[in-house]
Amino acid sequence: GGTVTHNHAWVRDNVYSIMAVWGLAQAYKKNADLDEDRAKTYEL
């Protein structure tokens, strides 16, 4: 949603907001040290 009290979800804002989550998943995939890293990759 736009804010905690405002439930309007903009398409553009949502896609840009999730890019960091996807980027972080890619970084974990590249540097997975332990099984828990693979779990974090999957969650993200």
PDB file of all heavy atoms in Angstrom:
ATOM      1  N   GLY A   1       0.845  -1.191   0.000  1.00  0.00           N
ATOM      2  CA  GLY A   1       0.000   0.000   0.000  1.00  0.00           C
ATOM      3  C   GLY A   1       0.881   1.242   0.000  1.00  0.00           C
ATOM      4  O   GLY A   1       2.077   1.176   0.266  1.00  0.00           O
ATOM      5  N   GLY A   2       0.283   2.406  -0.299  1.00  0.00           N
ATOM      6  CA  GLY A   2       1.050   3.653  -0.323  1.00  0.00           C
ATOM      7  C   GLY A   2       1.683   3.943   1.024  1.00  0.00           C
ATOM      8  O   GLY A   2       2.859   4.261   1.133  1.00  0.00           O
ATOM      9  N   THR A   3       0.874   3.847   2.093  1.00  0.00           N
ATOM     10  CA  THR A   3       1.378   4.012   3.463  1.00  0.00           C
ATOM     11  C   THR A   3       0.610   3.033   4.344  1.00  0.00           C
ATOM     12  O   THR A   3      -0.237   2.284   3.847  1.00  0.00           O
ATOM     13  CB  THR A   3       1.115   5.439   4.004  1.00  0.00           C
ATOM     14  OG1 THR A   3      -0.298   5.682   3.965  1.00  0.00           O
ATOM     15  CG2 THR A   3       1.819   6.503   3.170  1.00  0.00           C
ATOM     16  N   VAL A   4       0.890   3.059   5.636  1.00  0.00           N
ATOM     17  CA  VAL A   4       0.220   2.134   6.561  1.00  0.00           C
ATOM     18  C   VAL A   4      -1.290   2.341   6.527  1.00  0.00           C
ATOM     19  O   VAL A   4      -2.077   1.393   6.607  1.00  0.00           O
ATOM     20  CB  VAL A   4       0.760   2.342   7.998  1.00  0.00           C
ATOM     21  CG1 VAL A   4       0.119   1.359   8.952  1.00  0.00           C
ATOM     22  CG2 VAL A   4       2.273   2.172   8.014  1.00  0.00           C
ATOM     23  N   THR A   5      -1.722   3.612   6.410  1.00  0.00           N
ATOM     24  CA  THR A   5      -3.160   3.899   6.481  1.00  0.00           C
ATOM     25  C   THR A   5      -3.800   3.999   5.103  1.00  0.00           C
ATOM     26  O   THR A   5      -5.016   4.066   4.975  1.00  0.00           O
ATOM     27  CB  THR A   5      -3.379   5.250   7.197  1.00  0.00           C
ATOM     28  OG1 THR A   5      -2.555   6.237   6.555  1.00  0.00           O
ATOM     29  CG2 THR A   5      -2.998   5.155   8.662  1.00  0.00           C
ATOM     30  N   HIS A   6      -2.994   4.000   4.061  1.00  0.00           N
ATOM     31  CA  HIS A   6      -3.472   4.286   2.709  1.00  0.00           C
ATOM     32  C   HIS A   6      -3.248   3.042   1.859  1.00  0.00           C
ATOM     33  O   HIS A   6      -2.120   2.651   1.623  1.00  0.00           O
ATOM     34  CB  HIS A   6      -2.623   5.463   2.187  1.00  0.00           C
ATOM     35  CG  HIS A   6      -3.098   6.028   0.892  1.00  0.00           C
ATOM     36  ND1 HIS A   6      -4.344   6.572   0.728  1.00  0.00           N
ATOM     37  CD2 HIS A   6      -2.487   6.153  -0.317  1.00  0.00           C
ATOM     38  CE1 HIS A   6      -4.478   7.011  -0.522  1.00  0.00           C
ATOM     39  NE2 HIS A   6      -3.366   6.763  -1.174  1.00  0.00           N
ATOM     40  N   ASN A   7      -4.337   2.396   1.414  1.00  0.00           N
ATOM     41  CA  ASN A   7      -4.146   1.081   0.783  1.00  0.00           C
ATOM     42  C   ASN A   7      -4.083   1.132  -0.744  1.00  0.00           C
ATOM     43  O   ASN A   7      -4.302   0.134  -1.408  1.00  0.00           O
ATOM     44  CB  ASN A   7      -5.257   0.120   1.228  1.00  0.00           C
ATOM     45  CG  ASN A   7      -6.610   0.489   0.628  1.00  0.00           C
ATOM     46  OD1 ASN A   7      -6.769   1.591   0.117  1.00  0.00           O
ATOM     47  ND2 ASN A   7      -7.562  -0.417   0.671  1.00  0.00           N
ATOM     48  N   HIS A   8      -3.766   2.292  -1.324  1.00  0.00           N
ATOM     49  CA  HIS A   8      -3.630   2.359  -2.780  1.00  0.00           C
ATOM     50  C   HIS A   8      -2.254   1.816  -3.181  1.00  0.00           C
ATOM     51  O   HIS A   8      -1.233   2.311  -2.722  1.00  0.00           O
ATOM     52  CB  HIS A   8      -3.771   3.806  -3.278  1.00  0.00           C
ATOM     53  CG  HIS A   8      -5.165   4.346  -3.118  1.00  0.00           C
ATOM     54  ND1 HIS A   8      -5.601   5.506  -3.719  1.00  0.00           N
ATOM     55  CD2 HIS A   8      -6.227   3.882  -2.414  1.00  0.00           C
ATOM     56  CE1 HIS A   8      -6.867   5.723  -3.395  1.00  0.00           C
ATOM     57  NE2 HIS A   8      -7.261   4.760  -2.601  1.00  0.00           N
ATOM     58  N   ALA A   9      -2.265   0.792  -4.030  1.00  0.00           N
ATOM     59  CA  ALA A   9      -0.995   0.176  -4.467  1.00  0.00           C
ATOM     60  C   ALA A   9      -0.749   0.534  -5.929  1.00  0.00           C
ATOM     61  O   ALA A   9      -1.436   0.039  -6.822  1.00  0.00           O
ATOM     62  CB  ALA A   9      -1.073  -1.346  -4.297  1.00  0.00           C
ATOM     63  N   TRP A  10       0.226   1.418  -6.162  1.00  0.00           N
ATOM     64  CA  TRP A  10       0.571   1.815  -7.532  1.00  0.00           C
ATOM     65  C   TRP A  10       1.404   0.716  -8.195  1.00  0.00           C
ATOM     66  O   TRP A  10       2.311   0.156  -7.581  1.00  0.00           O
ATOM     67  CB  TRP A  10       1.387   3.103  -7.512  1.00  0.00           C
ATOM     68  CG  TRP A  10       0.586   4.360  -7.460  1.00  0.00           C
ATOM     69  CD1 TRP A  10       0.258   5.167  -8.517  1.00  0.00           C
ATOM     70  CD2 TRP A  10       0.031   5.006  -6.304  1.00  0.00           C
ATOM     71  NE1 TRP A  10      -0.474   6.257  -8.083  1.00  0.00           N
ATOM     72  CE2 TRP A  10      -0.635   6.180  -6.737  1.00  0.00           C
ATOM     73  CE3 TRP A  10       0.020   4.691  -4.935  1.00  0.00           C
ATOM     74  CZ2 TRP A  10      -1.294   7.040  -5.857  1.00  0.00           C
ATOM     75  CZ3 TRP A  10      -0.637   5.540  -4.068  1.00  0.00           C
ATOM     76  CH2 TRP A  10      -1.282   6.703  -4.531  1.00  0.00           C
ATOM     77  N   VAL A  11       1.112   0.425  -9.457  1.00  0.00           N
ATOM     78  CA  VAL A  11       1.851  -0.613 -10.192  1.00  0.00           C
ATOM     79  C   VAL A  11       3.340  -0.261 -10.233  1.00  0.00           C
ATOM     80  O   VAL A  11       4.212  -1.063  -9.889  1.00  0.00           O
ATOM     81  CB  VAL A  11       1.297  -0.769 -11.624  1.00  0.00           C
ATOM     82  CG1 VAL A  11       2.160  -1.742 -12.430  1.00  0.00           C
ATOM     83  CG2 VAL A  11      -0.146  -1.259 -11.581  1.00  0.00           C
ATOM     84  N   ARG A  12       3.638   0.977 -10.630  1.00  0.00           N
ATOM     85  CA  ARG A  12       5.037   1.391 -10.798  1.00  0.00           C
ATOM     86  C   ARG A  12       5.788   1.320  -9.472  1.00  0.00           C
ATOM     87  O   ARG A  12       6.880   0.757  -9.388  1.00  0.00           O
ATOM     88  CB  ARG A  12       5.067   2.816 -11.353  1.00  0.00           C
ATOM     89  CG  ARG A  12       6.452   3.392 -11.567  1.00  0.00           C
ATOM     90  CD  ARG A  12       6.393   4.862 -11.934  1.00  0.00           C
ATOM     91  NE  ARG A  12       5.500   5.122 -13.056  1.00  0.00           N
ATOM     92  CZ  ARG A  12       4.238   5.574 -12.922  1.00  0.00           C
ATOM     93  NH1 ARG A  12       3.755   5.831 -11.720  1.00  0.00           N
ATOM     94  NH2 ARG A  12       3.490   5.782 -13.973  1.00  0.00           N
ATOM     95  N   ASP A  13       5.211   1.905  -8.432  1.00  0.00           N
ATOM     96  CA  ASP A  13       5.875   1.925  -7.125  1.00  0.00           C
ATOM     97  C   ASP A  13       6.121   0.510  -6.605  1.00  0.00           C
ATOM     98  O   ASP A  13       7.154   0.225  -6.002  1.00  0.00           O
ATOM     99  CB  ASP A  13       5.030   2.694  -6.100  1.00  0.00           C
ATOM    100  CG  ASP A  13       4.913   4.168  -6.454  1.00  0.00           C
ATOM    101  OD1 ASP A  13       4.645   4.452  -7.633  1.00  0.00           O
ATOM    102  OD2 ASP A  13       5.092   5.020  -5.579  1.00  0.00           O
ATOM    103  N   ASN A  14       5.136  -0.380  -6.833  1.00  0.00           N
ATOM    104  CA  ASN A  14       5.284  -1.753  -6.357  1.00  0.00           C
ATOM    105  C   ASN A  14       6.428  -2.473  -7.061  1.00  0.00           C
ATOM    106  O   ASN A  14       7.214  -3.176  -6.420  1.00  0.00           O
ATOM    107  CB  ASN A  14       3.970  -2.528  -6.545  1.00  0.00           C
ATOM    108  CG  ASN A  14       3.039  -2.407  -5.359  1.00  0.00           C
ATOM    109  OD1 ASN A  14       2.883  -3.327  -4.577  1.00  0.00           O
ATOM    110  ND2 ASN A  14       2.423  -1.239  -5.194  1.00  0.00           N
ATOM    111  N   VAL A  15       6.532  -2.286  -8.383  1.00  0.00           N
ATOM    112  CA  VAL A  15       7.607  -2.965  -9.128  1.00  0.00           C
ATOM    113  C   VAL A  15       8.972  -2.437  -8.690  1.00  0.00           C
ATOM    114  O   VAL A  15       9.903  -3.205  -8.412  1.00  0.00           O
ATOM    115  CB  VAL A  15       7.422  -2.796 -10.655  1.00  0.00           C
ATOM    116  CG1 VAL A  15       8.614  -3.403 -11.398  1.00  0.00           C
ATOM    117  CG2 VAL A  15       6.135  -3.473 -11.110  1.00  0.00           C
ATOM    118  N   TYR A  16       9.097  -1.108  -8.582  1.00  0.00           N
ATOM    119  CA  TYR A  16      10.380  -0.541  -8.148  1.00  0.00           C
ATOM    120  C   TYR A  16      10.718  -0.980  -6.717  1.00  0.00           C
ATOM    121  O   TYR A  16      11.876  -1.250  -6.402  1.00  0.00           O
ATOM    122  CB  TYR A  16      10.356   0.989  -8.234  1.00  0.00           C
ATOM    123  CG  TYR A  16      10.738   1.535  -9.590  1.00  0.00           C
ATOM    124  CD1 TYR A  16       9.913   2.438 -10.267  1.00  0.00           C
ATOM    125  CD2 TYR A  16      11.931   1.153 -10.213  1.00  0.00           C
ATOM    126  CE1 TYR A  16      10.271   2.942 -11.521  1.00  0.00           C
ATOM    127  CE2 TYR A  16      12.289   1.655 -11.466  1.00  0.00           C
ATOM    128  CZ  TYR A  16      11.455   2.544 -12.104  1.00  0.00           C
ATOM    129  OH  TYR A  16      11.813   3.037 -13.345  1.00  0.00           O
ATOM    130  N   SER A  17       9.697  -1.050  -5.859  1.00  0.00           N
ATOM    131  CA  SER A  17       9.952  -1.404  -4.455  1.00  0.00           C
ATOM    132  C   SER A  17      10.478  -2.831  -4.307  1.00  0.00           C
ATOM    133  O   SER A  17      11.271  -3.113  -3.417  1.00  0.00           O
ATOM    134  CB  SER A  17       8.674  -1.243  -3.620  1.00  0.00           C
ATOM    135  OG  SER A  17       8.232   0.093  -3.642  1.00  0.00           O
ATOM    136  N   ILE A  18      10.016  -3.732  -5.192  1.00  0.00           N
ATOM    137  CA  ILE A  18      10.410  -5.141  -5.040  1.00  0.00           C
ATOM    138  C   ILE A  18      11.778  -5.411  -5.677  1.00  0.00           C
ATOM    139  O   ILE A  18      12.388  -6.457  -5.447  1.00  0.00           O
ATOM    140  CB  ILE A  18       9.335  -6.082  -5.632  1.00  0.00           C
ATOM    141  CG1 ILE A  18       9.348  -7.461  -4.927  1.00  0.00           C
ATOM    142  CG2 ILE A  18       9.498  -6.266  -7.132  1.00  0.00           C
ATOM    143  CD1 ILE A  18       8.911  -7.455  -3.493  1.00  0.00           C
ATOM    144  N   MET A  19      12.293  -4.441  -6.459  1.00  0.00           N
ATOM    145  CA  MET A  19      13.568  -4.681  -7.155  1.00  0.00           C
ATOM    146  C   MET A  19      14.723  -4.933  -6.181  1.00  0.00           C
ATOM    147  O   MET A  19      15.611  -5.746  -6.451  1.00  0.00           O
ATOM    148  CB  MET A  19      13.910  -3.503  -8.066  1.00  0.00           C
ATOM    149  CG  MET A  19      13.157  -3.534  -9.383  1.00  0.00           C
ATOM    150  SD  MET A  19      13.628  -2.136 -10.409  1.00  0.00           S
ATOM    151  CE  MET A  19      12.694  -2.484 -11.896  1.00  0.00           C
ATOM    152  N   ALA A  20      14.718  -4.230  -5.040  1.00  0.00           N
ATOM    153  CA  ALA A  20      15.796  -4.426  -4.063  1.00  0.00           C
ATOM    154  C   ALA A  20      15.725  -5.830  -3.468  1.00  0.00           C
ATOM    155  O   ALA A  20      16.750  -6.453  -3.181  1.00  0.00           O
ATOM    156  CB  ALA A  20      15.702  -3.380  -2.952  1.00  0.00           C
ATOM    157  N   VAL A  21      14.497  -6.330  -3.284  1.00  0.00           N
ATOM    158  CA  VAL A  21      14.308  -7.673  -2.713  1.00  0.00           C
ATOM    159  C   VAL A  21      14.856  -8.710  -3.692  1.00  0.00           C
ATOM    160  O   VAL A  21      15.572  -9.644  -3.307  1.00  0.00           O
ATOM    161  CB  VAL A  21      12.803  -7.930  -2.425  1.00  0.00           C
ATOM    162  CG1 VAL A  21      12.613  -9.281  -1.753  1.00  0.00           C
ATOM    163  CG2 VAL A  21      12.217  -6.806  -1.568  1.00  0.00           C
ATOM    164  N   TRP A  22      14.538  -8.512  -4.967  1.00  0.00           N
ATOM    165  CA  TRP A  22      15.038  -9.430  -6.001  1.00  0.00           C
ATOM    166  C   TRP A  22      16.558  -9.329  -6.115  1.00  0.00           C
ATOM    167  O   TRP A  22      17.269 -10.344  -6.210  1.00  0.00           O
ATOM    168  CB  TRP A  22      14.360  -9.084  -7.336  1.00  0.00           C
ATOM    169  CG  TRP A  22      14.828  -9.906  -8.493  1.00  0.00           C
ATOM    170  CD1 TRP A  22      14.939 -11.268  -8.554  1.00  0.00           C
ATOM    171  CD2 TRP A  22      15.241  -9.418  -9.779  1.00  0.00           C
ATOM    172  NE1 TRP A  22      15.395 -11.652  -9.801  1.00  0.00           N
ATOM    173  CE2 TRP A  22      15.580 -10.535 -10.567  1.00  0.00           C
ATOM    174  CE3 TRP A  22      15.343  -8.145 -10.336  1.00  0.00           C
ATOM    175  CZ2 TRP A  22      16.030 -10.419 -11.890  1.00  0.00           C
ATOM    176  CZ3 TRP A  22      15.782  -8.025 -11.656  1.00  0.00           C
ATOM    177  CH2 TRP A  22      16.120  -9.163 -12.407  1.00  0.00           C
ATOM    178  N   GLY A  23      17.082  -8.097  -6.076  1.00  0.00           N
ATOM    179  CA  GLY A  23      18.536  -7.906  -6.147  1.00  0.00           C
ATOM    180  C   GLY A  23      19.259  -8.584  -4.999  1.00  0.00           C
ATOM    181  O   GLY A  23      20.314  -9.215  -5.175  1.00  0.00           O
ATOM    182  N   LEU A  24      18.661  -8.477  -3.803  1.00  0.00           N
ATOM    183  CA  LEU A  24      19.265  -9.107  -2.624  1.00  0.00           C
ATOM    184  C   LEU A  24      19.235 -10.631  -2.754  1.00  0.00           C
ATOM    185  O   LEU A  24      20.203 -11.327  -2.402  1.00  0.00           O
ATOM    186  CB  LEU A  24      18.524  -8.657  -1.361  1.00  0.00           C
ATOM    187  CG  LEU A  24      19.100  -9.135  -0.034  1.00  0.00           C
ATOM    188  CD1 LEU A  24      20.529  -8.642   0.163  1.00  0.00           C
ATOM    189  CD2 LEU A  24      18.233  -8.650   1.134  1.00  0.00           C
ATOM    190  N   ALA A  25      18.129 -11.157  -3.293  1.00  0.00           N
ATOM    191  CA  ALA A  25      18.038 -12.617  -3.514  1.00  0.00           C
ATOM    192  C   ALA A  25      19.133 -13.080  -4.470  1.00  0.00           C
ATOM    193  O   ALA A  25      19.779 -14.110  -4.259  1.00  0.00           O
ATOM    194  CB  ALA A  25      16.655 -12.974  -4.077  1.00  0.00           C
ATOM    195  N   GLN A  26      19.383 -12.287  -5.525  1.00  0.00           N
ATOM    196  CA  GLN A  26      20.435 -12.619  -6.494  1.00  0.00           C
ATOM    197  C   GLN A  26      21.814 -12.619  -5.813  1.00  0.00           C
ATOM    198  O   GLN A  26      22.660 -13.464  -6.081  1.00  0.00           O
ATOM    199  CB  GLN A  26      20.439 -11.608  -7.645  1.00  0.00           C
ATOM    200  CG  GLN A  26      19.194 -11.631  -8.508  1.00  0.00           C
ATOM    201  CD  GLN A  26      19.091 -12.910  -9.324  1.00  0.00           C
ATOM    202  OE1 GLN A  26      18.478 -13.887  -8.885  1.00  0.00           O
ATOM    203  NE2 GLN A  26      19.683 -12.923 -10.495  1.00  0.00           N
ATOM    204  N   ALA A  27      22.015 -11.628  -4.915  1.00  0.00           N
ATOM    205  CA  ALA A  27      23.305 -11.532  -4.220  1.00  0.00           C
ATOM    206  C   ALA A  27      23.507 -12.726  -3.290  1.00  0.00           C
ATOM    207  O   ALA A  27      24.611 -13.290  -3.197  1.00  0.00           O
ATOM    208  CB  ALA A  27      23.368 -10.231  -3.423  1.00  0.00           C
ATOM    209  N   TYR A  28      22.441 -13.134  -2.593  1.00  0.00           N
ATOM    210  CA  TYR A  28      22.532 -14.313  -1.720  1.00  0.00           C
ATOM    211  C   TYR A  28      22.831 -15.561  -2.542  1.00  0.00           C
ATOM    212  O   TYR A  28      23.628 -16.426  -2.145  1.00  0.00           O
ATOM    213  CB  TYR A  28      21.213 -14.519  -0.953  1.00  0.00           C
ATOM    214  CG  TYR A  28      21.218 -13.937   0.440  1.00  0.00           C
ATOM    215  CD1 TYR A  28      20.316 -12.946   0.804  1.00  0.00           C
ATOM    216  CD2 TYR A  28      22.117 -14.391   1.409  1.00  0.00           C
ATOM    217  CE1 TYR A  28      20.302 -12.413   2.087  1.00  0.00           C
ATOM    218  CE2 TYR A  28      22.118 -13.867   2.687  1.00  0.00           C
ATOM    219  CZ  TYR A  28      21.214 -12.872   3.024  1.00  0.00           C
ATOM    220  OH  TYR A  28      21.218 -12.356   4.296  1.00  0.00           O
ATOM    221  N   LYS A  29      22.188 -15.659  -3.697  1.00  0.00           N
ATOM    222  CA  LYS A  29      22.381 -16.837  -4.554  1.00  0.00           C
ATOM    223  C   LYS A  29      23.846 -16.944  -4.987  1.00  0.00           C
ATOM    224  O   LYS A  29      24.418 -18.024  -5.060  1.00  0.00           O
ATOM    225  CB  LYS A  29      21.465 -16.690  -5.785  1.00  0.00           C
ATOM    226  CG  LYS A  29      21.220 -17.981  -6.538  1.00  0.00           C
ATOM    227  CD  LYS A  29      20.468 -17.708  -7.824  1.00  0.00           C
ATOM    228  CE  LYS A  29      18.974 -17.822  -7.635  1.00  0.00           C
ATOM    229  NZ  LYS A  29      18.246 -17.710  -8.916  1.00  0.00           N
ATOM    230  N   LYS A  30      24.446 -15.782  -5.233  1.00  0.00           N
ATOM    231  CA  LYS A  30      25.827 -15.748  -5.710  1.00  0.00           C
ATOM    232  C   LYS A  30      26.819 -16.060  -4.595  1.00  0.00           C
ATOM    233  O   LYS A  30      27.877 -16.627  -4.817  1.00  0.00           O
ATOM    234  CB  LYS A  30      26.085 -14.342  -6.276  1.00  0.00           C
ATOM    235  CG  LYS A  30      27.401 -14.170  -6.979  1.00  0.00           C
ATOM    236  CD  LYS A  30      27.504 -12.756  -7.543  1.00  0.00           C
ATOM    237  CE  LYS A  30      28.940 -12.455  -7.931  1.00  0.00           C
ATOM    238  NZ  LYS A  30      29.153 -11.024  -8.168  1.00  0.00           N
ATOM    239  N   ASN A  31      26.482 -15.657  -3.357  1.00  0.00           N
ATOM    240  CA  ASN A  31      27.431 -15.776  -2.244  1.00  0.00           C
ATOM    241  C   ASN A  31      26.980 -16.747  -1.155  1.00  0.00           C
ATOM    242  O   ASN A  31      27.344 -16.567   0.001  1.00  0.00           O
ATOM    243  CB  ASN A  31      27.646 -14.399  -1.591  1.00  0.00           C
ATOM    244  CG  ASN A  31      28.338 -13.432  -2.531  1.00  0.00           C
ATOM    245  OD1 ASN A  31      29.447 -13.671  -2.946  1.00  0.00           O
ATOM    246  ND2 ASN A  31      27.667 -12.351  -2.878  1.00  0.00           N
ATOM    247  N   ALA A  32      26.125 -17.703  -1.524  1.00  0.00           N
ATOM    248  CA  ALA A  32      25.564 -18.583  -0.479  1.00  0.00           C
ATOM    249  C   ALA A  32      26.664 -19.358   0.236  1.00  0.00           C
ATOM    250  O   ALA A  32      27.327 -20.215  -0.340  1.00  0.00           O
ATOM    251  CB  ALA A  32      24.554 -19.532  -1.111  1.00  0.00           C
ATOM    252  N   ASP A  33      26.874 -19.046   1.536  1.00  0.00           N
ATOM    253  CA  ASP A  33      27.873 -19.744   2.352  1.00  0.00           C
ATOM    254  C   ASP A  33      27.277 -21.004   2.978  1.00  0.00           C
ATOM    255  O   ASP A  33      27.868 -22.066   3.000  1.00  0.00           O
ATOM    256  CB  ASP A  33      28.312 -18.845   3.527  1.00  0.00           C
ATOM    257  CG  ASP A  33      29.293 -17.780   3.075  1.00  0.00           C
ATOM    258  OD1 ASP A  33      29.785 -17.909   1.956  1.00  0.00           O
ATOM    259  OD2 ASP A  33      29.541 -16.846   3.847  1.00  0.00           O
ATOM    260  N   LEU A  34      26.081 -20.836   3.524  1.00  0.00           N
ATOM    261  CA  LEU A  34      25.474 -21.885   4.360  1.00  0.00           C
ATOM    262  C   LEU A  34      24.079 -22.220   3.830  1.00  0.00           C
ATOM    263  O   LEU A  34      23.524 -21.511   2.999  1.00  0.00           O
ATOM    264  CB  LEU A  34      25.330 -21.370   5.810  1.00  0.00           C
ATOM    265  CG  LEU A  34      26.534 -20.643   6.423  1.00  0.00           C
ATOM    266  CD1 LEU A  34      26.125 -19.922   7.692  1.00  0.00           C
ATOM    267  CD2 LEU A  34      27.629 -21.657   6.742  1.00  0.00           C
ATOM    268  N   ASP A  35      23.516 -23.296   4.386  1.00  0.00           N
ATOM    269  CA  ASP A  35      22.148 -23.668   3.994  1.00  0.00           C
ATOM    270  C   ASP A  35      21.162 -22.551   4.312  1.00  0.00           C
ATOM    271  O   ASP A  35      20.193 -22.339   3.584  1.00  0.00           O
ATOM    272  CB  ASP A  35      21.714 -24.944   4.733  1.00  0.00           C
ATOM    273  CG  ASP A  35      22.346 -26.169   4.083  1.00  0.00           C
ATOM    274  OD1 ASP A  35      22.901 -26.004   2.979  1.00  0.00           O
ATOM    275  OD2 ASP A  35      22.292 -27.257   4.672  1.00  0.00           O
ATOM    276  N   GLU A  36      21.417 -21.835   5.424  1.00  0.00           N
ATOM    277  CA  GLU A  36      20.456 -20.778   5.793  1.00  0.00           C
ATOM    278  C   GLU A  36      20.460 -19.654   4.749  1.00  0.00           C
ATOM    279  O   GLU A  36      19.459 -18.975   4.558  1.00  0.00           O
ATOM    280  CB  GLU A  36      20.744 -20.232   7.188  1.00  0.00           C
ATOM    281  CG  GLU A  36      21.974 -19.346   7.278  1.00  0.00           C
ATOM    282  CD  GLU A  36      22.173 -18.794   8.688  1.00  0.00           C
ATOM    283  OE1 GLU A  36      22.823 -19.467   9.511  1.00  0.00           O
ATOM    284  OE2 GLU A  36      21.678 -17.690   8.938  1.00  0.00           O
ATOM    285  N   ASP A  37      21.601 -19.469   4.044  1.00  0.00           N
ATOM    286  CA  ASP A  37      21.629 -18.475   2.964  1.00  0.00           C
ATOM    287  C   ASP A  37      20.712 -18.896   1.825  1.00  0.00           C
ATOM    288  O   ASP A  37      20.024 -18.072   1.224  1.00  0.00           O
ATOM    289  CB  ASP A  37      23.051 -18.297   2.409  1.00  0.00           C
ATOM    290  CG  ASP A  37      23.968 -17.633   3.424  1.00  0.00           C
ATOM    291  OD1 ASP A  37      23.437 -17.052   4.383  1.00  0.00           O
ATOM    292  OD2 ASP A  37      25.195 -17.693   3.252  1.00  0.00           O
ATOM    293  N   ARG A  38      20.724 -20.198   1.536  1.00  0.00           N
ATOM    294  CA  ARG A  38      19.844 -20.688   0.469  1.00  0.00           C
ATOM    295  C   ARG A  38      18.382 -20.521   0.886  1.00  0.00           C
ATOM    296  O   ARG A  38      17.514 -20.204   0.069  1.00  0.00           O
ATOM    297  CB  ARG A  38      20.154 -22.147   0.147  1.00  0.00           C
ATOM    298  CG  ARG A  38      21.533 -22.298  -0.480  1.00  0.00           C
ATOM    299  CD  ARG A  38      21.896 -23.718  -0.882  1.00  0.00           C
ATOM    300  NE  ARG A  38      23.311 -23.772  -1.236  1.00  0.00           N
ATOM    301  CZ  ARG A  38      24.289 -24.032  -0.362  1.00  0.00           C
ATOM    302  NH1 ARG A  38      24.002 -24.283   0.905  1.00  0.00           N
ATOM    303  NH2 ARG A  38      25.547 -24.039  -0.750  1.00  0.00           N
ATOM    304  N   ALA A  39      18.121 -20.714   2.170  1.00  0.00           N
ATOM    305  CA  ALA A  39      16.753 -20.530   2.680  1.00  0.00           C
ATOM    306  C   ALA A  39      16.335 -19.060   2.529  1.00  0.00           C
ATOM    307  O   ALA A  39      15.217 -18.753   2.125  1.00  0.00           O
ATOM    308  CB  ALA A  39      16.669 -20.954   4.143  1.00  0.00           C
ATOM    309  N   LYS A  40      17.274 -18.159   2.852  1.00  0.00           N
ATOM    310  CA  LYS A  40      16.968 -16.723   2.740  1.00  0.00           C
ATOM    311  C   LYS A  40      16.727 -16.345   1.275  1.00  0.00           C
ATOM    312  O   LYS A  40      15.838 -15.554   0.966  1.00  0.00           O
ATOM    313  CB  LYS A  40      18.116 -15.885   3.312  1.00  0.00           C
ATOM    314  CG  LYS A  40      18.148 -15.887   4.834  1.00  0.00           C
ATOM    315  CD  LYS A  40      19.412 -15.234   5.345  1.00  0.00           C
ATOM    316  CE  LYS A  40      19.532 -15.391   6.860  1.00  0.00           C
ATOM    317  NZ  LYS A  40      20.875 -15.074   7.348  1.00  0.00           N
ATOM    318  N   THR A  41      17.543 -16.935   0.372  1.00  0.00           N
ATOM    319  CA  THR A  41      17.346 -16.675  -1.057  1.00  0.00           C
ATOM    320  C   THR A  41      15.924 -17.048  -1.453  1.00  0.00           C
ATOM    321  O   THR A  41      15.230 -16.282  -2.120  1.00  0.00           O
ATOM    322  CB  THR A  41      18.329 -17.526  -1.908  1.00  0.00           C
ATOM    323  OG1 THR A  41      19.658 -17.272  -1.459  1.00  0.00           O
ATOM    324  CG2 THR A  41      18.226 -17.190  -3.383  1.00  0.00           C
ATOM    325  N   TYR A  42      15.505 -18.241  -1.014  1.00  0.00           N
ATOM    326  CA  TYR A  42      14.171 -18.735  -1.388  1.00  0.00           C
ATOM    327  C   TYR A  42      13.070 -17.831  -0.827  1.00  0.00           C
ATOM    328  O   TYR A  42      12.118 -17.475  -1.528  1.00  0.00           O
ATOM    329  CB  TYR A  42      13.990 -20.174  -0.886  1.00  0.00           C
ATOM    330  CG  TYR A  42      12.661 -20.771  -1.302  1.00  0.00           C
ATOM    331  CD1 TYR A  42      12.465 -21.183  -2.619  1.00  0.00           C
ATOM    332  CD2 TYR A  42      11.607 -20.885  -0.402  1.00  0.00           C
ATOM    333  CE1 TYR A  42      11.247 -21.714  -3.015  1.00  0.00           C
ATOM    334  CE2 TYR A  42      10.382 -21.409  -0.790  1.00  0.00           C
ATOM    335  CZ  TYR A  42      10.208 -21.817  -2.099  1.00  0.00           C
ATOM    336  OH  TYR A  42       8.995 -22.319  -2.513  1.00  0.00           O
ATOM    337  N   GLU A  43      13.216 -17.424   0.442  1.00  0.00           N
ATOM    338  CA  GLU A  43      12.203 -16.542   1.062  1.00  0.00           C
ATOM    339  C   GLU A  43      12.068 -15.240   0.292  1.00  0.00           C
ATOM    340  O   GLU A  43      10.967 -14.767   0.016  1.00  0.00           O
ATOM    341  CB  GLU A  43      12.604 -16.212   2.510  1.00  0.00           C
ATOM    342  CG  GLU A  43      12.360 -17.319   3.504  1.00  0.00           C
ATOM    343  CD  GLU A  43      13.072 -17.032   4.829  1.00  0.00           C
ATOM    344  OE1 GLU A  43      13.221 -15.844   5.176  1.00  0.00           O
ATOM    345  OE2 GLU A  43      13.471 -17.991   5.507  1.00  0.00           O
ATOM    346  N   LEU A  44      13.211 -14.636  -0.029  1.00  0.00           N
ATOM    347  CA  LEU A  44      13.191 -13.363  -0.750  1.00  0.00           C
ATOM    348  C   LEU A  44      12.579 -13.537  -2.139  1.00  0.00           C
ATOM    349  O   LEU A  44      11.763 -12.729  -2.582  1.00  0.00           O
ATOM    350  CB  LEU A  44      14.613 -12.794  -0.864  1.00  0.00           C
ATOM    351  CG  LEU A  44      15.260 -12.335   0.456  1.00  0.00           C
ATOM    352  CD1 LEU A  44      16.762 -12.150   0.279  1.00  0.00           C
ATOM    353  CD2 LEU A  44      14.628 -11.036   0.957  1.00  0.00           C
TER     354      LEU A  44
END
